[in-house]
Amino acid sequence: MVWSLIALGAIILLAGLDQPLVLLVIAAVLGGFMMFVYSILLIQLNRKALPRAIELRGYRLAVMGFVILFFGFFSALILIEQVQKLFA
């Protein structure tokens, strides 16, 4: 996964996008999407691999669910917006 991010960064720079604001926006969007994926994987790992005594439960699991909804919503919003700009 790290190498894919490095490759994506190299592609972005080779495509000629060297404006600081554009690069900052791209980095923020990728970071938000990675947090969305990371939160899902973290819940799966905590629920399946950890002993029952220390697994995620209660309000911590609810907060992680909120985090998934939060980052998922904004990732989907940006994706829809960019696809509409691309085909408009």
PDB file of N, CA and C in Angstrom:
ATOM      1  N   MET A   1       0.816  -1.179   0.000  1.00  0.00           N
ATOM      2  CA  MET A   1       0.000   0.000   0.000  1.00  0.00           C
ATOM      3  C   MET A   1       0.868   1.254   0.000  1.00  0.00           C
ATOM      4  N   VAL A   2       1.972   1.236   0.714  1.00  0.00           N
ATOM      5  CA  VAL A   2       2.856   2.394   0.752  1.00  0.00           C
ATOM      6  C   VAL A   2       3.446   2.656  -0.627  1.00  0.00           C
ATOM      7  N   TRP A   3       3.835   1.578  -1.311  1.00  0.00           N
ATOM      8  CA  TRP A   3       4.424   1.757  -2.642  1.00  0.00           C
ATOM      9  C   TRP A   3       3.402   2.294  -3.634  1.00  0.00           C
ATOM     10  N   SER A   4       2.137   1.936  -3.455  1.00  0.00           N
ATOM     11  CA  SER A   4       1.116   2.477  -4.362  1.00  0.00           C
ATOM     12  C   SER A   4       0.953   3.981  -4.144  1.00  0.00           C
ATOM     13  N   LEU A   5       1.049   4.433  -2.891  1.00  0.00           N
ATOM     14  CA  LEU A   5       0.982   5.876  -2.623  1.00  0.00           C
ATOM     15  C   LEU A   5       2.190   6.610  -3.195  1.00  0.00           C
ATOM     16  N   ILE A   6       3.356   5.995  -3.105  1.00  0.00           N
ATOM     17  CA  ILE A   6       4.556   6.599  -3.674  1.00  0.00           C
ATOM     18  C   ILE A   6       4.426   6.681  -5.189  1.00  0.00           C
ATOM     19  N   ALA A   7       3.928   5.609  -5.812  1.00  0.00           N
ATOM     20  CA  ALA A   7       3.739   5.605  -7.262  1.00  0.00           C
ATOM     21  C   ALA A   7       2.706   6.650  -7.682  1.00  0.00           C
ATOM     22  N   LEU A   8       1.627   6.769  -6.933  1.00  0.00           N
ATOM     23  CA  LEU A   8       0.609   7.773  -7.242  1.00  0.00           C
ATOM     24  C   LEU A   8       1.189   9.181  -7.126  1.00  0.00           C
ATOM     25  N   GLY A   9       1.989   9.424  -6.116  1.00  0.00           N
ATOM     26  CA  GLY A   9       2.633  10.727  -5.964  1.00  0.00           C
ATOM     27  C   GLY A   9       3.573  11.031  -7.116  1.00  0.00           C
ATOM     28  N   ALA A  10       4.325  10.028  -7.559  1.00  0.00           N
ATOM     29  CA  ALA A  10       5.222  10.226  -8.695  1.00  0.00           C
ATOM     30  C   ALA A  10       4.439  10.524  -9.968  1.00  0.00           C
ATOM     31  N   ILE A  11       3.325   9.825 -10.168  1.00  0.00           N
ATOM     32  CA  ILE A  11       2.489  10.067 -11.351  1.00  0.00           C
ATOM     33  C   ILE A  11       1.931  11.481 -11.329  1.00  0.00           C
ATOM     34  N   ILE A  12       1.491  11.933 -10.167  1.00  0.00           N
ATOM     35  CA  ILE A  12       0.946  13.292 -10.042  1.00  0.00           C
ATOM     36  C   ILE A  12       2.008  14.330 -10.385  1.00  0.00           C
ATOM     37  N   LEU A  13       3.220  14.133  -9.871  1.00  0.00           N
ATOM     38  CA  LEU A  13       4.278  15.095 -10.162  1.00  0.00           C
ATOM     39  C   LEU A  13       4.712  15.043 -11.624  1.00  0.00           C
ATOM     40  N   LEU A  14       4.763  13.848 -12.203  1.00  0.00           N
ATOM     41  CA  LEU A  14       5.135  13.718 -13.607  1.00  0.00           C
ATOM     42  C   LEU A  14       4.056  14.258 -14.542  1.00  0.00           C
ATOM     43  N   ALA A  15       2.812  14.316 -14.067  1.00  0.00           N
ATOM     44  CA  ALA A  15       1.720  14.852 -14.890  1.00  0.00           C
ATOM     45  C   ALA A  15       1.773  16.373 -14.971  1.00  0.00           C
ATOM     46  N   GLY A  16       2.650  16.990 -14.224  1.00  0.00           N
ATOM     47  CA  GLY A  16       2.811  18.434 -14.306  1.00  0.00           C
ATOM     48  C   GLY A  16       2.074  19.215 -13.232  1.00  0.00           C
ATOM     49  N   LEU A  17       1.479  18.538 -12.280  1.00  0.00           N
ATOM     50  CA  LEU A  17       0.787  19.237 -11.195  1.00  0.00           C
ATOM     51  C   LEU A  17       1.821  19.626 -10.142  1.00  0.00           C
ATOM     52  N   ASP A  18       2.245  20.864 -10.204  1.00  0.00           N
ATOM     53  CA  ASP A  18       3.260  21.301  -9.239  1.00  0.00           C
ATOM     54  C   ASP A  18       2.815  22.519  -8.440  1.00  0.00           C
ATOM     55  N   GLN A  19       1.555  22.882  -8.555  1.00  0.00           N
ATOM     56  CA  GLN A  19       1.025  23.985  -7.759  1.00  0.00           C
ATOM     57  C   GLN A  19       0.824  23.510  -6.318  1.00  0.00           C
ATOM     58  N   PRO A  20       1.294  24.266  -5.349  1.00  0.00           N
ATOM     59  CA  PRO A  20       1.199  23.822  -3.951  1.00  0.00           C
ATOM     60  C   PRO A  20      -0.233  23.569  -3.476  1.00  0.00           C
ATOM     61  N   LEU A  21      -1.176  24.405  -3.885  1.00  0.00           N
ATOM     62  CA  LEU A  21      -2.554  24.224  -3.429  1.00  0.00           C
ATOM     63  C   LEU A  21      -3.161  22.944  -4.000  1.00  0.00           C
ATOM     64  N   VAL A  22      -2.899  22.663  -5.259  1.00  0.00           N
ATOM     65  CA  VAL A  22      -3.411  21.439  -5.883  1.00  0.00           C
ATOM     66  C   VAL A  22      -2.828  20.211  -5.192  1.00  0.00           C
ATOM     67  N   LEU A  23      -1.535  20.245  -4.938  1.00  0.00           N
ATOM     68  CA  LEU A  23      -0.896  19.112  -4.253  1.00  0.00           C
ATOM     69  C   LEU A  23      -1.426  18.950  -2.832  1.00  0.00           C
ATOM     70  N   LEU A  24      -1.694  20.049  -2.155  1.00  0.00           N
ATOM     71  CA  LEU A  24      -2.237  19.988  -0.805  1.00  0.00           C
ATOM     72  C   LEU A  24      -3.634  19.382  -0.798  1.00  0.00           C
ATOM     73  N   VAL A  25      -4.464  19.768  -1.750  1.00  0.00           N
ATOM     74  CA  VAL A  25      -5.816  19.219  -1.841  1.00  0.00           C
ATOM     75  C   VAL A  25      -5.770  17.724  -2.160  1.00  0.00           C
ATOM     76  N   ILE A  26      -4.916  17.336  -3.092  1.00  0.00           N
ATOM     77  CA  ILE A  26      -4.791  15.915  -3.437  1.00  0.00           C
ATOM     78  C   ILE A  26      -4.326  15.114  -2.223  1.00  0.00           C
ATOM     79  N   ALA A  27      -3.355  15.627  -1.489  1.00  0.00           N
ATOM     80  CA  ALA A  27      -2.861  14.934  -0.295  1.00  0.00           C
ATOM     81  C   ALA A  27      -3.947  14.810   0.769  1.00  0.00           C
ATOM     82  N   ALA A  28      -4.743  15.858   0.940  1.00  0.00           N
ATOM     83  CA  ALA A  28      -5.811  15.818   1.941  1.00  0.00           C
ATOM     84  C   ALA A  28      -6.883  14.802   1.563  1.00  0.00           C
ATOM     85  N   VAL A  29      -7.249  14.769   0.295  1.00  0.00           N
ATOM     86  CA  VAL A  29      -8.268  13.816  -0.157  1.00  0.00           C
ATOM     87  C   VAL A  29      -7.773  12.383  -0.007  1.00  0.00           C
ATOM     88  N   LEU A  30      -6.534  12.133  -0.410  1.00  0.00           N
ATOM     89  CA  LEU A  30      -5.976  10.784  -0.257  1.00  0.00           C
ATOM     90  C   LEU A  30      -5.861  10.392   1.212  1.00  0.00           C
ATOM     91  N   GLY A  31      -5.488  11.339   2.056  1.00  0.00           N
ATOM     92  CA  GLY A  31      -5.402  11.055   3.488  1.00  0.00           C
ATOM     93  C   GLY A  31      -6.757  10.702   4.084  1.00  0.00           C
ATOM     94  N   GLY A  32      -7.791  11.424   3.691  1.00  0.00           N
ATOM     95  CA  GLY A  32      -9.138  11.114   4.169  1.00  0.00           C
ATOM     96  C   GLY A  32      -9.613   9.755   3.709  1.00  0.00           C
ATOM     97  N   PHE A  33      -9.333   9.409   2.448  1.00  0.00           N
ATOM     98  CA  PHE A  33      -9.719   8.096   1.946  1.00  0.00           C
ATOM     99  C   PHE A  33      -8.958   6.990   2.673  1.00  0.00           C
ATOM    100  N   MET A  34      -7.676   7.218   2.933  1.00  0.00           N
ATOM    101  CA  MET A  34      -6.882   6.208   3.643  1.00  0.00           C
ATOM    102  C   MET A  34      -7.390   6.024   5.074  1.00  0.00           C
ATOM    103  N   MET A  35      -7.841   7.092   5.723  1.00  0.00           N
ATOM    104  CA  MET A  35      -8.409   6.960   7.068  1.00  0.00           C
ATOM    105  C   MET A  35      -9.710   6.156   7.035  1.00  0.00           C
ATOM    106  N   PHE A  36     -10.494   6.326   5.974  1.00  0.00           N
ATOM    107  CA  PHE A  36     -11.719   5.547   5.802  1.00  0.00           C
ATOM    108  C   PHE A  36     -11.385   4.058   5.729  1.00  0.00           C
ATOM    109  N   VAL A  37     -10.445   3.706   4.871  1.00  0.00           N
ATOM    110  CA  VAL A  37     -10.047   2.296   4.714  1.00  0.00           C
ATOM    111  C   VAL A  37      -9.403   1.786   6.002  1.00  0.00           C
ATOM    112  N   TYR A  38      -8.521   2.583   6.600  1.00  0.00           N
ATOM    113  CA  TYR A  38      -7.824   2.196   7.817  1.00  0.00           C
ATOM    114  C   TYR A  38      -8.803   1.923   8.967  1.00  0.00           C
ATOM    115  N   SER A  39      -9.833   2.732   9.080  1.00  0.00           N
ATOM    116  CA  SER A  39     -10.804   2.549  10.167  1.00  0.00           C
ATOM    117  C   SER A  39     -11.563   1.231  10.016  1.00  0.00           C
ATOM    118  N   ILE A  40     -11.934   0.895   8.798  1.00  0.00           N
ATOM    119  CA  ILE A  40     -12.608  -0.382   8.551  1.00  0.00           C
ATOM    120  C   ILE A  40     -11.693  -1.542   8.918  1.00  0.00           C
ATOM    121  N   LEU A  41     -10.450  -1.472   8.461  1.00  0.00           N
ATOM    122  CA  LEU A  41      -9.501  -2.544   8.761  1.00  0.00           C
ATOM    123  C   LEU A  41      -9.200  -2.638  10.255  1.00  0.00           C
ATOM    124  N   LEU A  42      -9.152  -1.509  10.930  1.00  0.00           N
ATOM    125  CA  LEU A  42      -8.886  -1.505  12.368  1.00  0.00           C
ATOM    126  C   LEU A  42     -10.010  -2.190  13.141  1.00  0.00           C
ATOM    127  N   ILE A  43     -11.242  -1.924  12.769  1.00  0.00           N
ATOM    128  CA  ILE A  43     -12.371  -2.585  13.437  1.00  0.00           C
ATOM    129  C   ILE A  43     -12.328  -4.084  13.182  1.00  0.00           C
ATOM    130  N   GLN A  44     -12.069  -4.483  11.940  1.00  0.00           N
ATOM    131  CA  GLN A  44     -12.004  -5.914  11.638  1.00  0.00           C
ATOM    132  C   GLN A  44     -10.903  -6.590  12.436  1.00  0.00           C
ATOM    133  N   LEU A  45      -9.742  -5.972  12.484  1.00  0.00           N
ATOM    134  CA  LEU A  45      -8.640  -6.556  13.233  1.00  0.00           C
ATOM    135  C   LEU A  45      -8.959  -6.646  14.719  1.00  0.00           C
ATOM    136  N   ASN A  46      -9.509  -5.592  15.283  1.00  0.00           N
ATOM    137  CA  ASN A  46      -9.823  -5.583  16.707  1.00  0.00           C
ATOM    138  C   ASN A  46     -10.913  -6.583  17.066  1.00  0.00           C
ATOM    139  N   ARG A  47     -11.889  -6.773  16.198  1.00  0.00           N
ATOM    140  CA  ARG A  47     -12.999  -7.682  16.504  1.00  0.00           C
ATOM    141  C   ARG A  47     -12.620  -9.149  16.312  1.00  0.00           C
ATOM    142  N   LYS A  48     -11.675  -9.438  15.426  1.00  0.00           N
ATOM    143  CA  LYS A  48     -11.366 -10.833  15.105  1.00  0.00           C
ATOM    144  C   LYS A  48     -10.067 -11.346  15.718  1.00  0.00           C
ATOM    145  N   ALA A  49      -9.063 -10.498  15.849  1.00  0.00           N
ATOM    146  CA  ALA A  49      -7.743 -10.982  16.254  1.00  0.00           C
ATOM    147  C   ALA A  49      -7.454 -10.799  17.741  1.00  0.00           C
ATOM    148  N   LEU A  50      -8.115  -9.859  18.378  1.00  0.00           N
ATOM    149  CA  LEU A  50      -7.817  -9.610  19.784  1.00  0.00           C
ATOM    150  C   LEU A  50      -8.652 -10.502  20.702  1.00  0.00           C
ATOM    151  N   PRO A  51      -8.116 -10.807  21.878  1.00  0.00           N
ATOM    152  CA  PRO A  51      -8.914 -11.552  22.855  1.00  0.00           C
ATOM    153  C   PRO A  51     -10.147 -10.746  23.265  1.00  0.00           C
ATOM    154  N   ARG A  52     -11.190 -11.439  23.642  1.00  0.00           N
ATOM    155  CA  ARG A  52     -12.472 -10.802  23.984  1.00  0.00           C
ATOM    156  C   ARG A  52     -12.317  -9.731  25.075  1.00  0.00           C
ATOM    157  N   ALA A  53     -11.376  -9.932  25.981  1.00  0.00           N
ATOM    158  CA  ALA A  53     -11.214  -8.996  27.100  1.00  0.00           C
ATOM    159  C   ALA A  53     -10.733  -7.612  26.658  1.00  0.00           C
ATOM    160  N   ILE A  54     -10.026  -7.522  25.547  1.00  0.00           N
ATOM    161  CA  ILE A  54      -9.486  -6.217  25.133  1.00  0.00           C
ATOM    162  C   ILE A  54      -9.986  -5.769  23.759  1.00  0.00           C
ATOM    163  N   GLU A  55     -10.981  -6.428  23.200  1.00  0.00           N
ATOM    164  CA  GLU A  55     -11.472  -6.005  21.886  1.00  0.00           C
ATOM    165  C   GLU A  55     -12.309  -4.733  21.993  1.00  0.00           C
ATOM    166  N   LEU A  56     -12.523  -4.099  20.839  1.00  0.00           N
ATOM    167  CA  LEU A  56     -13.332  -2.874  20.788  1.00  0.00           C
ATOM    168  C   LEU A  56     -14.782  -3.198  21.104  1.00  0.00           C
ATOM    169  N   ARG A  57     -15.338  -2.478  22.083  1.00  0.00           N
ATOM    170  CA  ARG A  57     -16.750  -2.630  22.431  1.00  0.00           C
ATOM    171  C   ARG A  57     -17.295  -1.295  22.898  1.00  0.00           C
ATOM    172  N   GLY A  58     -18.581  -1.213  22.982  1.00  0.00           N
ATOM    173  CA  GLY A  58     -19.231  -0.059  23.578  1.00  0.00           C
ATOM    174  C   GLY A  58     -19.042   1.232  22.805  1.00  0.00           C
ATOM    175  N   TYR A  59     -18.762   2.288  23.554  1.00  0.00           N
ATOM    176  CA  TYR A  59     -18.674   3.606  22.939  1.00  0.00           C
ATOM    177  C   TYR A  59     -17.488   3.728  21.991  1.00  0.00           C
ATOM    178  N   ARG A  60     -16.391   2.985  22.245  1.00  0.00           N
ATOM    179  CA  ARG A  60     -15.236   3.042  21.340  1.00  0.00           C
ATOM    180  C   ARG A  60     -15.587   2.486  19.964  1.00  0.00           C
ATOM    181  N   LEU A  61     -16.375   1.421  19.934  1.00  0.00           N
ATOM    182  CA  LEU A  61     -16.824   0.859  18.663  1.00  0.00           C
ATOM    183  C   LEU A  61     -17.780   1.827  17.972  1.00  0.00           C
ATOM    184  N   ALA A  62     -18.630   2.487  18.736  1.00  0.00           N
ATOM    185  CA  ALA A  62     -19.540   3.478  18.159  1.00  0.00           C
ATOM    186  C   ALA A  62     -18.771   4.661  17.569  1.00  0.00           C
ATOM    187  N   VAL A  63     -17.720   5.105  18.256  1.00  0.00           N
ATOM    188  CA  VAL A  63     -16.901   6.207  17.738  1.00  0.00           C
ATOM    189  C   VAL A  63     -16.203   5.782  16.450  1.00  0.00           C
ATOM    190  N   MET A  64     -15.705   4.559  16.406  1.00  0.00           N
ATOM    191  CA  MET A  64     -15.073   4.071  15.177  1.00  0.00           C
ATOM    192  C   MET A  64     -16.087   3.983  14.043  1.00  0.00           C
ATOM    193  N   GLY A  65     -17.307   3.598  14.353  1.00  0.00           N
ATOM    194  CA  GLY A  65     -18.362   3.583  13.336  1.00  0.00           C
ATOM    195  C   GLY A  65     -18.638   4.983  12.814  1.00  0.00           C
ATOM    196  N   PHE A  66     -18.653   5.964  13.711  1.00  0.00           N
ATOM    197  CA  PHE A  66     -18.834   7.356  13.300  1.00  0.00           C
ATOM    198  C   PHE A  66     -17.676   7.815  12.415  1.00  0.00           C
ATOM    199  N   VAL A  67     -16.466   7.418  12.761  1.00  0.00           N
ATOM    200  CA  VAL A  67     -15.287   7.786  11.967  1.00  0.00           C
ATOM    201  C   VAL A  67     -15.408   7.220  10.552  1.00  0.00           C
ATOM    202  N   ILE A  68     -15.867   5.974  10.440  1.00  0.00           N
ATOM    203  CA  ILE A  68     -16.053   5.373   9.118  1.00  0.00           C
ATOM    204  C   ILE A  68     -17.093   6.148   8.320  1.00  0.00           C
ATOM    205  N   LEU A  69     -18.202   6.489   8.951  1.00  0.00           N
ATOM    206  CA  LEU A  69     -19.234   7.264   8.254  1.00  0.00           C
ATOM    207  C   LEU A  69     -18.728   8.643   7.855  1.00  0.00           C
ATOM    208  N   PHE A  70     -17.994   9.284   8.733  1.00  0.00           N
ATOM    209  CA  PHE A  70     -17.474  10.626   8.473  1.00  0.00           C
ATOM    210  C   PHE A  70     -16.532  10.627   7.267  1.00  0.00           C
ATOM    211  N   PHE A  71     -15.485   9.802   7.338  1.00  0.00           N
ATOM    212  CA  PHE A  71     -14.508   9.784   6.249  1.00  0.00           C
ATOM    213  C   PHE A  71     -15.102   9.179   4.976  1.00  0.00           C
ATOM    214  N   GLY A  72     -15.984   8.204   5.114  1.00  0.00           N
ATOM    215  CA  GLY A  72     -16.637   7.623   3.941  1.00  0.00           C
ATOM    216  C   GLY A  72     -17.524   8.626   3.229  1.00  0.00           C
ATOM    217  N   PHE A  73     -18.267   9.426   3.994  1.00  0.00           N
ATOM    218  CA  PHE A  73     -19.143  10.436   3.405  1.00  0.00           C
ATOM    219  C   PHE A  73     -18.336  11.450   2.604  1.00  0.00           C
ATOM    220  N   PHE A  74     -17.280  11.979   3.198  1.00  0.00           N
ATOM    221  CA  PHE A  74     -16.506  13.004   2.506  1.00  0.00           C
ATOM    222  C   PHE A  74     -15.699  12.429   1.345  1.00  0.00           C
ATOM    223  N   SER A  75     -15.236  11.193   1.467  1.00  0.00           N
ATOM    224  CA  SER A  75     -14.551  10.561   0.344  1.00  0.00           C
ATOM    225  C   SER A  75     -15.511  10.369  -0.826  1.00  0.00           C
ATOM    226  N   ALA A  76     -16.720   9.899  -0.549  1.00  0.00           N
ATOM    227  CA  ALA A  76     -17.715   9.716  -1.605  1.00  0.00           C
ATOM    228  C   ALA A  76     -18.131  11.059  -2.198  1.00  0.00           C
ATOM    229  N   LEU A  77     -18.276  12.071  -1.357  1.00  0.00           N
ATOM    230  CA  LEU A  77     -18.661  13.401  -1.831  1.00  0.00           C
ATOM    231  C   LEU A  77     -17.623  13.955  -2.809  1.00  0.00           C
ATOM    232  N   ILE A  78     -16.362  13.857  -2.454  1.00  0.00           N
ATOM    233  CA  ILE A  78     -15.290  14.339  -3.331  1.00  0.00           C
ATOM    234  C   ILE A  78     -15.249  13.528  -4.619  1.00  0.00           C
ATOM    235  N   LEU A  79     -15.410  12.209  -4.510  1.00  0.00           N
ATOM    236  CA  LEU A  79     -15.390  11.355  -5.698  1.00  0.00           C
ATOM    237  C   LEU A  79     -16.521  11.719  -6.654  1.00  0.00           C
ATOM    238  N   ILE A  80     -17.720  11.879  -6.140  1.00  0.00           N
ATOM    239  CA  ILE A  80     -18.868  12.246  -6.986  1.00  0.00           C
ATOM    240  C   ILE A  80     -18.645  13.616  -7.621  1.00  0.00           C
ATOM    241  N   GLU A  81     -18.152  14.562  -6.837  1.00  0.00           N
ATOM    242  CA  GLU A  81     -17.912  15.909  -7.357  1.00  0.00           C
ATOM    243  C   GLU A  81     -16.875  15.898  -8.483  1.00  0.00           C
ATOM    244  N   GLN A  82     -15.813  15.135  -8.302  1.00  0.00           N
ATOM    245  CA  GLN A  82     -14.761  15.102  -9.312  1.00  0.00           C
ATOM    246  C   GLN A  82     -15.206  14.367 -10.576  1.00  0.00           C
ATOM    247  N   VAL A  83     -16.001  13.318 -10.429  1.00  0.00           N
ATOM    248  CA  VAL A  83     -16.517  12.606 -11.603  1.00  0.00           C
ATOM    249  C   VAL A  83     -17.471  13.512 -12.381  1.00  0.00           C
ATOM    250  N   GLN A  84     -18.285  14.279 -11.683  1.00  0.00           N
ATOM    251  CA  GLN A  84     -19.180  15.212 -12.362  1.00  0.00           C
ATOM    252  C   GLN A  84     -18.398  16.295 -13.101  1.00  0.00           C
ATOM    253  N   LYS A  85     -17.315  16.799 -12.503  1.00  0.00           N
ATOM    254  CA  LYS A  85     -16.482  17.784 -13.175  1.00  0.00           C
ATOM    255  C   LYS A  85     -15.808  17.172 -14.412  1.00  0.00           C
ATOM    256  N   LEU A  86     -15.422  15.912 -14.296  1.00  0.00           N
ATOM    257  CA  LEU A  86     -14.725  15.241 -15.389  1.00  0.00           C
ATOM    258  C   LEU A  86     -15.627  15.057 -16.603  1.00  0.00           C
ATOM    259  N   PHE A  87     -16.896  14.727 -16.373  1.00  0.00           N
ATOM    260  CA  PHE A  87     -17.807  14.460 -17.470  1.00  0.00           C
ATOM    261  C   PHE A  87     -18.706  15.636 -17.831  1.00  0.00           C
ATOM    262  N   ALA A  88     -18.507  16.772 -17.184  1.00  0.00           N
ATOM    263  CA  ALA A  88     -19.359  17.945 -17.481  1.00  0.00           C
ATOM    264  C   ALA A  88     -18.773  18.795 -18.590  1.00  0.00           C
TER     265      ALA A  88
END
